[in-house]
Amino acid sequence: MAEVESASKLYWTGGPFRVLIRCWPERQQDECDKAVTILDECRSAFQKQFMLFDPIVSGRPLAHDRWSKLFKPEHRNNKITIGNALPGTEQSPGRSVIAETTQGELLDGLSVGGAFDSQHAKAVIVFTYHLWDEFYRVKIAETLRVSTKQVTCDLMGDIRLIRNVIIHNRSIIEKKTLQALNFLPGLWQVEQGELVITSAMLYSLMEQLNAIRVDVVE
């Protein structure tokens, strides 16, 4: 059920997960109940994104172990390619080299806490924000017969800022963004400079999304 509750810095600090919509008492209860159901569906959609991420992260050490046995340290700068053709041969649709990197870059990326972990975590965050902003937030607003701007969430507001850093500022956090963050400083150690999102950071974010709180403002 929707209810009025005082704000807390973190949505969840332990115990059962519970989504919550806080709105003024005059709203009809059936509308509020429908909105909470939509928010619960939103949480399930977030969980599916995390479920896609977790097996990739869990399997990455196995891939690192496999490739590290095949590569020699002195060959770190040697190229490795992905595709169905050899480099330097004639390329055609379905028979081509579509990506290349060095052996060292591949091993570094596959290492625990490496660049691939952060890149995948960023992709989850970007897609999570768009699920919220372009679909579930709109559905909640329609159900409660308010404008989309009246449906607010401190956590999603911060995720919007992080999304903008990833997409528009090449993952570099500037001072003005740090000052604008409201929720995440209580969850992550976010500093000015390059944004690196670890698996542990994404896990802690998912905990808070599992207890997401939404405010409907007048």
N, C-alpha and C. Protein backbone atom coordinates (compact mmCIF):
# COMPACT_ATOMS: atom_id res chain seq x y z
N MET A 1 0.83 -1.20 0.00
CA MET A 1 0.00 0.00 0.00
C MET A 1 0.87 1.25 0.00
N ALA A 2 0.36 2.29 -0.61
CA ALA A 2 1.05 3.57 -0.57
C ALA A 2 0.83 4.20 0.80
N GLU A 3 1.83 4.92 1.28
CA GLU A 3 1.69 5.53 2.59
C GLU A 3 2.62 6.73 2.68
N VAL A 4 2.38 7.56 3.67
CA VAL A 4 3.25 8.69 3.92
C VAL A 4 4.29 8.26 4.94
N GLU A 5 5.56 8.50 4.64
CA GLU A 5 6.63 8.07 5.53
C GLU A 5 7.74 9.09 5.49
N SER A 6 8.38 9.33 6.62
CA SER A 6 9.46 10.30 6.64
C SER A 6 10.65 9.80 5.84
N ALA A 7 11.37 10.72 5.21
CA ALA A 7 12.48 10.34 4.35
C ALA A 7 13.66 9.83 5.17
N SER A 8 14.37 8.84 4.66
CA SER A 8 15.60 8.37 5.27
C SER A 8 16.69 8.42 4.23
N LYS A 9 17.94 8.45 4.67
CA LYS A 9 19.04 8.64 3.73
C LYS A 9 19.16 7.45 2.78
N LEU A 10 19.07 6.23 3.31
CA LEU A 10 19.07 5.03 2.47
C LEU A 10 17.69 4.40 2.51
N TYR A 11 17.30 3.81 1.41
CA TYR A 11 15.99 3.16 1.36
C TYR A 11 15.98 1.88 2.15
N TRP A 12 17.12 1.19 2.18
CA TRP A 12 17.15 -0.14 2.79
C TRP A 12 18.42 -0.31 3.61
N THR A 13 18.27 -0.73 4.85
CA THR A 13 19.42 -1.01 5.72
C THR A 13 19.35 -2.42 6.30
N GLY A 14 18.43 -3.23 5.81
CA GLY A 14 18.27 -4.60 6.29
C GLY A 14 16.80 -4.97 6.40
N GLY A 15 16.53 -6.26 6.54
CA GLY A 15 15.15 -6.72 6.65
C GLY A 15 14.51 -6.95 5.30
N PRO A 16 13.21 -7.20 5.28
CA PRO A 16 12.51 -7.47 4.01
C PRO A 16 12.56 -6.27 3.07
N PHE A 17 12.64 -6.56 1.79
CA PHE A 17 12.57 -5.50 0.78
C PHE A 17 11.11 -5.09 0.60
N ARG A 18 10.89 -3.77 0.42
CA ARG A 18 9.53 -3.28 0.21
C ARG A 18 9.57 -2.01 -0.61
N VAL A 19 8.87 -2.01 -1.74
CA VAL A 19 8.79 -0.78 -2.53
C VAL A 19 7.76 0.14 -1.89
N LEU A 20 7.89 1.43 -2.14
CA LEU A 20 7.02 2.39 -1.46
C LEU A 20 6.76 3.60 -2.35
N ILE A 21 5.50 4.01 -2.41
CA ILE A 21 5.13 5.26 -3.05
C ILE A 21 4.54 6.18 -1.98
N ARG A 22 5.10 7.37 -1.88
CA ARG A 22 4.65 8.33 -0.89
C ARG A 22 3.93 9.46 -1.62
N CYS A 23 2.66 9.65 -1.29
CA CYS A 23 1.90 10.71 -1.94
C CYS A 23 0.92 11.31 -0.93
N TRP A 24 0.30 12.42 -1.32
CA TRP A 24 -0.58 13.09 -0.39
C TRP A 24 -1.82 12.25 -0.13
N PRO A 25 -2.38 12.33 1.09
CA PRO A 25 -3.45 11.43 1.53
C PRO A 25 -4.72 11.47 0.68
N GLU A 26 -4.93 12.53 -0.05
CA GLU A 26 -6.18 12.67 -0.80
C GLU A 26 -6.26 11.75 -2.01
N ARG A 27 -5.17 11.11 -2.38
CA ARG A 27 -5.21 10.23 -3.54
C ARG A 27 -6.10 9.02 -3.26
N GLN A 28 -6.80 8.55 -4.27
CA GLN A 28 -7.66 7.38 -4.10
C GLN A 28 -6.80 6.13 -3.89
N GLN A 29 -7.23 5.29 -2.96
CA GLN A 29 -6.43 4.14 -2.57
C GLN A 29 -6.23 3.15 -3.72
N ASP A 30 -7.26 2.96 -4.55
CA ASP A 30 -7.11 2.00 -5.64
C ASP A 30 -6.07 2.47 -6.64
N GLU A 31 -5.99 3.78 -6.89
CA GLU A 31 -4.97 4.32 -7.78
C GLU A 31 -3.58 4.10 -7.18
N CYS A 32 -3.46 4.37 -5.89
CA CYS A 32 -2.17 4.19 -5.23
C CYS A 32 -1.74 2.73 -5.25
N ASP A 33 -2.67 1.82 -5.02
CA ASP A 33 -2.35 0.40 -5.04
C ASP A 33 -1.87 -0.04 -6.43
N LYS A 34 -2.53 0.46 -7.47
CA LYS A 34 -2.11 0.14 -8.83
C LYS A 34 -0.71 0.69 -9.11
N ALA A 35 -0.45 1.89 -8.61
CA ALA A 35 0.87 2.49 -8.81
C ALA A 35 1.96 1.69 -8.11
N VAL A 36 1.68 1.19 -6.92
CA VAL A 36 2.64 0.35 -6.20
C VAL A 36 2.90 -0.95 -6.96
N THR A 37 1.84 -1.51 -7.55
CA THR A 37 2.02 -2.72 -8.37
C THR A 37 2.95 -2.45 -9.55
N ILE A 38 2.78 -1.29 -10.18
CA ILE A 38 3.66 -0.92 -11.28
C ILE A 38 5.10 -0.77 -10.79
N LEU A 39 5.27 -0.16 -9.62
CA LEU A 39 6.61 0.02 -9.07
C LEU A 39 7.25 -1.33 -8.76
N ASP A 40 6.45 -2.28 -8.31
CA ASP A 40 6.96 -3.63 -8.05
C ASP A 40 7.40 -4.30 -9.36
N GLU A 41 6.64 -4.06 -10.42
CA GLU A 41 7.03 -4.58 -11.74
C GLU A 41 8.34 -3.93 -12.19
N CYS A 42 8.49 -2.65 -11.88
CA CYS A 42 9.72 -1.93 -12.20
C CYS A 42 10.91 -2.58 -11.49
N ARG A 43 10.75 -2.90 -10.23
CA ARG A 43 11.81 -3.56 -9.48
C ARG A 43 12.18 -4.90 -10.12
N SER A 44 11.19 -5.65 -10.55
CA SER A 44 11.45 -6.94 -11.21
C SER A 44 12.26 -6.74 -12.49
N ALA A 45 11.95 -5.66 -13.22
CA ALA A 45 12.70 -5.37 -14.45
C ALA A 45 14.16 -5.03 -14.12
N PHE A 46 14.38 -4.30 -13.03
CA PHE A 46 15.75 -4.01 -12.60
C PHE A 46 16.48 -5.30 -12.25
N GLN A 47 15.80 -6.20 -11.56
CA GLN A 47 16.41 -7.47 -11.17
C GLN A 47 16.83 -8.29 -12.38
N LYS A 48 16.03 -8.26 -13.43
CA LYS A 48 16.38 -9.00 -14.64
C LYS A 48 17.65 -8.46 -15.26
N GLN A 49 17.82 -7.14 -15.22
CA GLN A 49 19.05 -6.56 -15.74
C GLN A 49 20.25 -7.02 -14.93
N PHE A 50 20.09 -7.08 -13.61
CA PHE A 50 21.18 -7.55 -12.76
C PHE A 50 21.48 -9.03 -13.01
N MET A 51 20.44 -9.81 -13.24
CA MET A 51 20.63 -11.23 -13.50
C MET A 51 21.41 -11.45 -14.80
N LEU A 52 21.27 -10.56 -15.77
CA LEU A 52 22.06 -10.65 -16.99
C LEU A 52 23.52 -10.30 -16.73
N PHE A 53 23.74 -9.39 -15.78
CA PHE A 53 25.08 -8.94 -15.46
C PHE A 53 25.85 -9.96 -14.63
N ASP A 54 25.21 -10.54 -13.64
CA ASP A 54 25.92 -11.36 -12.65
C ASP A 54 26.63 -12.58 -13.25
N PRO A 55 25.99 -13.36 -14.14
CA PRO A 55 26.73 -14.51 -14.69
C PRO A 55 27.95 -14.11 -15.51
N ILE A 56 27.88 -12.95 -16.16
CA ILE A 56 29.03 -12.47 -16.93
C ILE A 56 30.20 -12.20 -15.99
N VAL A 57 29.91 -11.52 -14.88
CA VAL A 57 30.96 -11.21 -13.91
C VAL A 57 31.49 -12.48 -13.27
N SER A 58 30.59 -13.40 -12.91
CA SER A 58 31.01 -14.64 -12.26
C SER A 58 31.88 -15.50 -13.17
N GLY A 59 31.59 -15.46 -14.49
CA GLY A 59 32.35 -16.28 -15.43
C GLY A 59 33.64 -15.65 -15.90
N ARG A 60 33.83 -14.37 -15.61
CA ARG A 60 35.01 -13.68 -16.13
C ARG A 60 36.31 -14.22 -15.57
N PRO A 61 36.42 -14.57 -14.27
CA PRO A 61 37.67 -15.16 -13.78
C PRO A 61 38.03 -16.47 -14.49
N LEU A 62 37.03 -17.25 -14.88
CA LEU A 62 37.30 -18.48 -15.60
C LEU A 62 37.90 -18.18 -16.97
N ALA A 63 37.34 -17.16 -17.64
CA ALA A 63 37.88 -16.77 -18.94
C ALA A 63 39.30 -16.23 -18.79
N HIS A 64 39.53 -15.45 -17.73
CA HIS A 64 40.87 -14.92 -17.48
C HIS A 64 41.86 -16.06 -17.27
N ASP A 65 41.46 -17.05 -16.49
CA ASP A 65 42.35 -18.19 -16.22
C ASP A 65 42.66 -18.95 -17.50
N ARG A 66 41.65 -19.12 -18.33
CA ARG A 66 41.84 -19.85 -19.59
C ARG A 66 42.82 -19.13 -20.51
N TRP A 67 42.58 -17.82 -20.70
CA TRP A 67 43.42 -17.08 -21.64
C TRP A 67 44.83 -16.86 -21.09
N SER A 68 44.95 -16.69 -19.78
CA SER A 68 46.28 -16.45 -19.20
C SER A 68 47.19 -17.66 -19.37
N LYS A 69 46.61 -18.85 -19.49
CA LYS A 69 47.40 -20.06 -19.72
C LYS A 69 47.88 -20.16 -21.16
N LEU A 70 47.15 -19.48 -22.07
CA LEU A 70 47.51 -19.54 -23.48
C LEU A 70 48.47 -18.41 -23.88
N PHE A 71 48.38 -17.27 -23.18
CA PHE A 71 49.20 -16.12 -23.52
C PHE A 71 50.49 -16.10 -22.71
N LYS A 72 51.56 -15.62 -23.31
CA LYS A 72 52.82 -15.47 -22.62
C LYS A 72 53.02 -13.99 -22.29
N PRO A 73 53.60 -13.70 -21.11
CA PRO A 73 53.77 -12.29 -20.70
C PRO A 73 54.50 -11.44 -21.73
N GLU A 74 55.47 -12.03 -22.43
CA GLU A 74 56.23 -11.25 -23.40
C GLU A 74 55.43 -10.93 -24.66
N HIS A 75 54.23 -11.52 -24.78
CA HIS A 75 53.39 -11.29 -25.95
C HIS A 75 52.21 -10.37 -25.65
N ARG A 76 52.28 -9.57 -24.58
CA ARG A 76 51.17 -8.71 -24.17
C ARG A 76 50.71 -7.77 -25.28
N ASN A 77 51.62 -7.34 -26.12
CA ASN A 77 51.27 -6.38 -27.17
C ASN A 77 50.85 -7.05 -28.47
N ASN A 78 50.84 -8.37 -28.49
CA ASN A 78 50.39 -9.07 -29.68
C ASN A 78 48.88 -8.92 -29.85
N LYS A 79 48.42 -8.83 -31.09
CA LYS A 79 47.01 -8.66 -31.38
C LYS A 79 46.25 -9.98 -31.20
N ILE A 80 45.02 -9.87 -30.74
CA ILE A 80 44.09 -11.00 -30.74
C ILE A 80 42.81 -10.51 -31.41
N THR A 81 42.25 -11.33 -32.29
CA THR A 81 41.08 -10.91 -33.07
C THR A 81 39.89 -11.82 -32.81
N ILE A 82 38.70 -11.28 -33.08
CA ILE A 82 37.46 -12.04 -33.01
C ILE A 82 36.80 -11.97 -34.37
N GLY A 83 36.40 -13.11 -34.89
CA GLY A 83 35.74 -13.15 -36.18
C GLY A 83 35.86 -14.52 -36.82
N ASN A 84 35.44 -14.60 -38.06
CA ASN A 84 35.44 -15.87 -38.79
C ASN A 84 36.45 -15.88 -39.93
N ALA A 85 37.41 -14.97 -39.88
CA ALA A 85 38.44 -14.92 -40.92
C ALA A 85 39.76 -14.51 -40.28
N LEU A 86 40.85 -14.81 -40.94
CA LEU A 86 42.16 -14.42 -40.46
C LEU A 86 42.48 -13.00 -40.88
N PRO A 87 43.20 -12.24 -40.05
CA PRO A 87 43.62 -10.89 -40.45
C PRO A 87 44.46 -10.97 -41.73
N GLY A 88 44.26 -10.00 -42.59
CA GLY A 88 45.03 -9.94 -43.82
C GLY A 88 44.46 -10.75 -44.96
N THR A 89 43.39 -11.51 -44.71
CA THR A 89 42.75 -12.27 -45.78
C THR A 89 41.55 -11.49 -46.30
N GLU A 90 41.00 -11.94 -47.40
CA GLU A 90 39.84 -11.26 -47.98
C GLU A 90 38.65 -11.35 -47.02
N GLN A 91 38.01 -10.23 -46.80
CA GLN A 91 36.88 -10.14 -45.88
C GLN A 91 35.56 -10.12 -46.66
N SER A 92 34.56 -10.80 -46.14
CA SER A 92 33.24 -10.83 -46.78
C SER A 92 32.19 -11.00 -45.69
N PRO A 93 30.91 -10.69 -45.98
CA PRO A 93 29.85 -10.83 -44.97
C PRO A 93 29.84 -12.23 -44.36
N GLY A 94 29.91 -12.30 -43.03
CA GLY A 94 29.93 -13.58 -42.34
C GLY A 94 31.30 -14.21 -42.26
N ARG A 95 32.28 -13.66 -42.98
CA ARG A 95 33.66 -14.16 -42.97
C ARG A 95 34.58 -12.96 -42.83
N SER A 96 34.69 -12.45 -41.61
CA SER A 96 35.45 -11.22 -41.43
C SER A 96 36.00 -11.14 -40.00
N VAL A 97 36.97 -10.27 -39.80
CA VAL A 97 37.46 -9.91 -38.48
C VAL A 97 36.65 -8.71 -38.01
N ILE A 98 35.93 -8.85 -36.91
CA ILE A 98 35.03 -7.77 -36.49
C ILE A 98 35.53 -7.00 -35.27
N ALA A 99 36.56 -7.51 -34.60
CA ALA A 99 37.09 -6.81 -33.43
C ALA A 99 38.51 -7.28 -33.17
N GLU A 100 39.31 -6.39 -32.61
CA GLU A 100 40.67 -6.77 -32.24
C GLU A 100 41.13 -5.98 -31.03
N THR A 101 42.03 -6.56 -30.29
CA THR A 101 42.65 -5.90 -29.14
C THR A 101 44.01 -6.56 -28.95
N THR A 102 44.70 -6.22 -27.88
CA THR A 102 45.96 -6.89 -27.58
C THR A 102 45.72 -7.94 -26.50
N GLN A 103 46.63 -8.89 -26.41
CA GLN A 103 46.50 -9.92 -25.39
C GLN A 103 46.52 -9.31 -23.99
N GLY A 104 47.34 -8.30 -23.79
CA GLY A 104 47.42 -7.65 -22.48
C GLY A 104 46.13 -6.93 -22.11
N GLU A 105 45.55 -6.22 -23.07
CA GLU A 105 44.28 -5.52 -22.80
C GLU A 105 43.17 -6.50 -22.48
N LEU A 106 43.16 -7.62 -23.17
CA LEU A 106 42.12 -8.62 -22.90
C LEU A 106 42.26 -9.19 -21.50
N LEU A 107 43.48 -9.56 -21.10
CA LEU A 107 43.68 -10.12 -19.76
C LEU A 107 43.39 -9.09 -18.67
N ASP A 108 43.82 -7.85 -18.90
CA ASP A 108 43.55 -6.81 -17.90
C ASP A 108 42.04 -6.58 -17.76
N GLY A 109 41.34 -6.56 -18.89
CA GLY A 109 39.90 -6.35 -18.84
C GLY A 109 39.16 -7.48 -18.16
N LEU A 110 39.65 -8.71 -18.33
CA LEU A 110 39.00 -9.89 -17.74
C LEU A 110 39.33 -10.07 -16.27
N SER A 111 40.33 -9.39 -15.76
CA SER A 111 40.72 -9.56 -14.36
C SER A 111 39.62 -9.08 -13.42
N VAL A 112 39.62 -9.58 -12.20
CA VAL A 112 38.62 -9.19 -11.21
C VAL A 112 38.75 -7.69 -10.94
N GLY A 113 37.63 -6.97 -11.10
CA GLY A 113 37.65 -5.52 -10.94
C GLY A 113 38.22 -4.79 -12.13
N GLY A 114 38.40 -5.49 -13.25
CA GLY A 114 38.98 -4.89 -14.44
C GLY A 114 37.99 -4.04 -15.20
N ALA A 115 38.44 -3.55 -16.36
CA ALA A 115 37.64 -2.61 -17.14
C ALA A 115 36.33 -3.22 -17.62
N PHE A 116 36.31 -4.52 -17.90
CA PHE A 116 35.09 -5.14 -18.40
C PHE A 116 34.00 -5.13 -17.34
N ASP A 117 34.38 -5.36 -16.07
CA ASP A 117 33.39 -5.30 -14.99
C ASP A 117 32.73 -3.94 -14.95
N SER A 118 33.54 -2.89 -14.98
CA SER A 118 33.01 -1.53 -14.90
C SER A 118 32.16 -1.20 -16.11
N GLN A 119 32.61 -1.62 -17.29
CA GLN A 119 31.87 -1.32 -18.51
C GLN A 119 30.50 -1.98 -18.50
N HIS A 120 30.44 -3.24 -18.08
CA HIS A 120 29.15 -3.93 -18.03
C HIS A 120 28.25 -3.31 -16.96
N ALA A 121 28.84 -2.94 -15.81
CA ALA A 121 28.05 -2.31 -14.75
C ALA A 121 27.46 -0.99 -15.24
N LYS A 122 28.24 -0.23 -15.98
CA LYS A 122 27.74 1.04 -16.52
C LYS A 122 26.59 0.81 -17.49
N ALA A 123 26.70 -0.24 -18.30
CA ALA A 123 25.63 -0.54 -19.25
C ALA A 123 24.33 -0.88 -18.51
N VAL A 124 24.44 -1.62 -17.41
CA VAL A 124 23.26 -1.95 -16.60
C VAL A 124 22.64 -0.68 -16.04
N ILE A 125 23.46 0.22 -15.54
CA ILE A 125 22.96 1.46 -14.96
C ILE A 125 22.26 2.33 -16.00
N VAL A 126 22.86 2.45 -17.17
CA VAL A 126 22.25 3.26 -18.23
C VAL A 126 20.89 2.68 -18.63
N PHE A 127 20.83 1.37 -18.82
CA PHE A 127 19.57 0.75 -19.24
C PHE A 127 18.54 0.80 -18.13
N THR A 128 18.98 0.65 -16.88
CA THR A 128 18.07 0.74 -15.73
C THR A 128 17.40 2.11 -15.68
N TYR A 129 18.19 3.16 -15.89
CA TYR A 129 17.61 4.49 -15.85
C TYR A 129 16.56 4.67 -16.95
N HIS A 130 16.84 4.18 -18.14
CA HIS A 130 15.90 4.36 -19.23
C HIS A 130 14.62 3.54 -19.02
N LEU A 131 14.74 2.38 -18.40
CA LEU A 131 13.54 1.61 -18.04
C LEU A 131 12.64 2.45 -17.13
N TRP A 132 13.26 3.08 -16.14
CA TRP A 132 12.52 3.91 -15.21
C TRP A 132 11.92 5.14 -15.89
N ASP A 133 12.76 5.91 -16.54
CA ASP A 133 12.35 7.24 -17.00
C ASP A 133 11.40 7.19 -18.19
N GLU A 134 11.56 6.24 -19.07
CA GLU A 134 10.77 6.22 -20.30
C GLU A 134 9.57 5.28 -20.25
N PHE A 135 9.50 4.45 -19.20
CA PHE A 135 8.37 3.51 -19.16
C PHE A 135 7.67 3.50 -17.81
N TYR A 136 8.35 3.05 -16.75
CA TYR A 136 7.65 2.85 -15.48
C TYR A 136 7.26 4.16 -14.81
N ARG A 137 8.09 5.16 -14.88
CA ARG A 137 7.73 6.47 -14.32
C ARG A 137 6.50 7.03 -15.02
N VAL A 138 6.44 6.85 -16.32
CA VAL A 138 5.31 7.32 -17.10
C VAL A 138 4.03 6.58 -16.71
N LYS A 139 4.14 5.25 -16.53
CA LYS A 139 2.96 4.46 -16.16
C LYS A 139 2.45 4.84 -14.78
N ILE A 140 3.37 5.10 -13.85
CA ILE A 140 2.95 5.51 -12.51
C ILE A 140 2.23 6.86 -12.58
N ALA A 141 2.77 7.78 -13.35
CA ALA A 141 2.14 9.11 -13.49
C ALA A 141 0.75 8.99 -14.10
N GLU A 142 0.61 8.16 -15.12
CA GLU A 142 -0.70 7.98 -15.75
C GLU A 142 -1.69 7.37 -14.77
N THR A 143 -1.25 6.41 -13.98
CA THR A 143 -2.15 5.76 -13.02
C THR A 143 -2.63 6.73 -11.95
N LEU A 144 -1.73 7.61 -11.50
CA LEU A 144 -2.08 8.57 -10.45
C LEU A 144 -2.62 9.88 -11.01
N ARG A 145 -2.71 9.97 -12.35
CA ARG A 145 -3.24 11.15 -13.02
C ARG A 145 -2.49 12.43 -12.63
N VAL A 146 -1.15 12.30 -12.69
CA VAL A 146 -0.28 13.45 -12.44
C VAL A 146 0.71 13.54 -13.60
N SER A 147 1.47 14.64 -13.64
CA SER A 147 2.49 14.77 -14.68
C SER A 147 3.69 13.90 -14.31
N THR A 148 4.46 13.55 -15.32
CA THR A 148 5.65 12.72 -15.07
C THR A 148 6.62 13.44 -14.14
N LYS A 149 6.72 14.75 -14.24
CA LYS A 149 7.64 15.51 -13.39
C LYS A 149 7.26 15.42 -11.92
N GLN A 150 6.00 15.12 -11.63
CA GLN A 150 5.57 15.01 -10.24
C GLN A 150 5.97 13.68 -9.61
N VAL A 151 6.39 12.72 -10.42
CA VAL A 151 6.83 11.42 -9.91
C VAL A 151 8.34 11.48 -9.77
N THR A 152 8.83 11.54 -8.52
CA THR A 152 10.25 11.75 -8.27
C THR A 152 10.83 10.62 -7.44
N CYS A 153 12.14 10.47 -7.56
CA CYS A 153 12.85 9.44 -6.78
C CYS A 153 14.29 9.92 -6.63
N ASP A 154 14.73 10.11 -5.39
CA ASP A 154 16.09 10.61 -5.16
C ASP A 154 17.14 9.70 -5.79
N LEU A 155 16.97 8.39 -5.63
CA LEU A 155 17.95 7.45 -6.17
C LEU A 155 18.00 7.53 -7.69
N MET A 156 16.84 7.53 -8.35
CA MET A 156 16.83 7.59 -9.81
C MET A 156 17.33 8.94 -10.31
N GLY A 157 17.14 9.98 -9.51
CA GLY A 157 17.70 11.28 -9.88
C GLY A 157 19.22 11.23 -9.92
N ASP A 158 19.82 10.55 -8.95
CA ASP A 158 21.27 10.40 -8.95
C ASP A 158 21.74 9.49 -10.08
N ILE A 159 20.97 8.43 -10.36
CA ILE A 159 21.33 7.53 -11.45
C ILE A 159 21.29 8.29 -12.79
N ARG A 160 20.36 9.23 -12.91
CA ARG A 160 20.32 10.08 -14.11
C ARG A 160 21.62 10.85 -14.26
N LEU A 161 22.14 11.40 -13.16
CA LEU A 161 23.39 12.14 -13.22
C LEU A 161 24.56 11.23 -13.59
N ILE A 162 24.57 10.02 -13.02
CA ILE A 162 25.63 9.06 -13.35
C ILE A 162 25.51 8.62 -14.80
N ARG A 163 24.29 8.44 -15.26
CA ARG A 163 24.07 8.08 -16.67
C ARG A 163 24.62 9.16 -17.59
N ASN A 164 24.38 10.42 -17.23
CA ASN A 164 24.87 11.53 -18.05
C ASN A 164 26.40 11.57 -18.06
N VAL A 165 27.01 11.26 -16.92
CA VAL A 165 28.48 11.19 -16.86
C VAL A 165 29.00 10.13 -17.82
N ILE A 166 28.35 8.96 -17.80
CA ILE A 166 28.78 7.85 -18.66
C ILE A 166 28.61 8.18 -20.13
N ILE A 167 27.43 8.70 -20.49
CA ILE A 167 27.10 8.92 -21.89
C ILE A 167 27.72 10.19 -22.45
N HIS A 168 27.66 11.28 -21.69
CA HIS A 168 28.01 12.58 -22.24
C HIS A 168 29.38 13.11 -21.81
N ASN A 169 29.99 12.51 -20.78
CA ASN A 169 31.26 13.06 -20.29
C ASN A 169 32.35 11.99 -20.20
N ARG A 170 32.21 10.93 -20.99
CA ARG A 170 33.23 9.88 -21.08
C ARG A 170 33.62 9.33 -19.71
N SER A 171 32.61 9.20 -18.82
CA SER A 171 32.80 8.61 -17.48
C SER A 171 33.74 9.42 -16.59
N ILE A 172 33.78 10.73 -16.81
CA ILE A 172 34.57 11.61 -15.94
C ILE A 172 33.61 12.41 -15.07
N ILE A 173 33.72 12.25 -13.76
CA ILE A 173 32.86 12.99 -12.83
C ILE A 173 33.50 14.33 -12.49
N GLU A 174 32.75 15.39 -12.70
CA GLU A 174 33.23 16.72 -12.37
C GLU A 174 32.67 17.16 -11.01
N LYS A 175 33.25 18.20 -10.48
CA LYS A 175 32.88 18.69 -9.15
C LYS A 175 31.39 19.03 -9.06
N LYS A 176 30.86 19.65 -10.11
CA LYS A 176 29.46 20.07 -10.09
C LYS A 176 28.52 18.86 -9.99
N THR A 177 28.91 17.74 -10.59
CA THR A 177 28.09 16.53 -10.50
C THR A 177 28.14 15.97 -9.09
N LEU A 178 29.32 15.94 -8.48
CA LEU A 178 29.43 15.46 -7.10
C LEU A 178 28.55 16.27 -6.16
N GLN A 179 28.54 17.57 -6.38
CA GLN A 179 27.75 18.44 -5.51
C GLN A 179 26.24 18.24 -5.72
N ALA A 180 25.86 17.77 -6.91
CA ALA A 180 24.44 17.58 -7.22
C ALA A 180 23.91 16.24 -6.73
N LEU A 181 24.79 15.29 -6.46
CA LEU A 181 24.34 13.97 -6.01
C LEU A 181 23.70 14.08 -4.63
N ASN A 182 22.57 13.40 -4.47
CA ASN A 182 21.82 13.48 -3.22
C ASN A 182 21.85 12.17 -2.44
N PHE A 183 21.74 11.06 -3.14
CA PHE A 183 21.57 9.76 -2.51
C PHE A 183 22.85 8.92 -2.52
N LEU A 184 23.50 8.86 -3.66
CA LEU A 184 24.62 7.93 -3.84
C LEU A 184 25.81 8.19 -2.91
N PRO A 185 26.10 9.42 -2.49
CA PRO A 185 27.23 9.60 -1.57
C PRO A 185 27.09 8.82 -0.27
N GLY A 186 25.86 8.47 0.11
CA GLY A 186 25.65 7.65 1.29
C GLY A 186 25.80 6.17 1.02
N LEU A 187 25.98 5.81 -0.24
CA LEU A 187 26.06 4.41 -0.64
C LEU A 187 27.41 4.07 -1.24
N TRP A 188 27.94 4.96 -2.08
CA TRP A 188 29.21 4.74 -2.77
C TRP A 188 30.24 5.77 -2.33
N GLN A 189 31.51 5.41 -2.48
CA GLN A 189 32.60 6.37 -2.34
C GLN A 189 32.85 6.98 -3.72
N VAL A 190 32.12 8.04 -4.04
CA VAL A 190 32.22 8.66 -5.35
C VAL A 190 33.14 9.87 -5.26
N GLU A 191 34.12 9.92 -6.14
CA GLU A 191 35.09 11.00 -6.13
C GLU A 191 35.19 11.65 -7.51
N GLN A 192 35.74 12.84 -7.51
CA GLN A 192 35.96 13.54 -8.77
C GLN A 192 37.00 12.81 -9.60
N GLY A 193 36.77 12.73 -10.91
CA GLY A 193 37.71 12.02 -11.79
C GLY A 193 37.02 10.89 -12.51
N GLU A 194 37.79 9.89 -12.90
CA GLU A 194 37.24 8.78 -13.68
C GLU A 194 36.26 7.95 -12.86
N LEU A 195 35.11 7.67 -13.44
CA LEU A 195 34.09 6.86 -12.79
C LEU A 195 34.36 5.38 -13.05
N VAL A 196 34.59 4.64 -11.99
CA VAL A 196 34.74 3.19 -12.07
C VAL A 196 33.64 2.59 -11.20
N ILE A 197 32.83 1.71 -11.77
CA ILE A 197 31.75 1.07 -11.04
C ILE A 197 32.09 -0.40 -10.87
N THR A 198 32.30 -0.82 -9.65
CA THR A 198 32.66 -2.20 -9.36
C THR A 198 31.41 -3.07 -9.22
N SER A 199 31.62 -4.38 -9.22
CA SER A 199 30.51 -5.30 -9.00
C SER A 199 29.87 -5.06 -7.64
N ALA A 200 30.70 -4.76 -6.63
CA ALA A 200 30.17 -4.50 -5.28
C ALA A 200 29.29 -3.25 -5.27
N MET A 201 29.68 -2.23 -6.03
CA MET A 201 28.87 -1.01 -6.11
C MET A 201 27.53 -1.30 -6.76
N LEU A 202 27.55 -2.08 -7.84
CA LEU A 202 26.28 -2.40 -8.51
C LEU A 202 25.40 -3.25 -7.60
N TYR A 203 26.00 -4.15 -6.83
CA TYR A 203 25.25 -4.99 -5.90
C TYR A 203 24.56 -4.11 -4.85
N SER A 204 25.30 -3.15 -4.29
CA SER A 204 24.70 -2.28 -3.26
C SER A 204 23.61 -1.41 -3.86
N LEU A 205 23.77 -1.01 -5.12
CA LEU A 205 22.73 -0.23 -5.79
C LEU A 205 21.48 -1.07 -5.97
N MET A 206 21.64 -2.34 -6.33
CA MET A 206 20.49 -3.22 -6.52
C MET A 206 19.74 -3.43 -5.21
N GLU A 207 20.45 -3.48 -4.10
CA GLU A 207 19.77 -3.58 -2.80
C GLU A 207 18.83 -2.39 -2.59
N GLN A 208 19.31 -1.21 -2.91
CA GLN A 208 18.48 -0.01 -2.73
C GLN A 208 17.33 0.02 -3.74
N LEU A 209 17.57 -0.45 -4.96
CA LEU A 209 16.49 -0.51 -5.96
C LEU A 209 15.42 -1.51 -5.54
N ASN A 210 15.80 -2.54 -4.81
CA ASN A 210 14.82 -3.52 -4.34
C ASN A 210 13.87 -2.92 -3.30
N ALA A 211 14.26 -1.79 -2.72
CA ALA A 211 13.41 -1.10 -1.75
C ALA A 211 13.14 0.33 -2.22
N ILE A 212 12.97 0.49 -3.53
CA ILE A 212 12.87 1.81 -4.13
C ILE A 212 11.69 2.59 -3.56
N ARG A 213 11.90 3.87 -3.34
CA ARG A 213 10.88 4.77 -2.85
C ARG A 213 10.62 5.87 -3.87
N VAL A 214 9.38 6.15 -4.10
CA VAL A 214 8.97 7.16 -5.06
C VAL A 214 8.10 8.19 -4.35
N ASP A 215 8.35 9.45 -4.61
CA ASP A 215 7.53 10.53 -4.07
C ASP A 215 6.69 11.14 -5.19
N VAL A 216 5.42 11.35 -4.89
CA VAL A 216 4.54 12.06 -5.81
C VAL A 216 4.28 13.42 -5.20
N VAL A 217 4.80 14.46 -5.83
CA VAL A 217 4.75 15.80 -5.27
C VAL A 217 3.62 16.59 -5.89
N GLU A 218 3.09 17.53 -5.14
CA GLU A 218 1.98 18.36 -5.64
C GLU A 218 2.49 19.44 -6.57
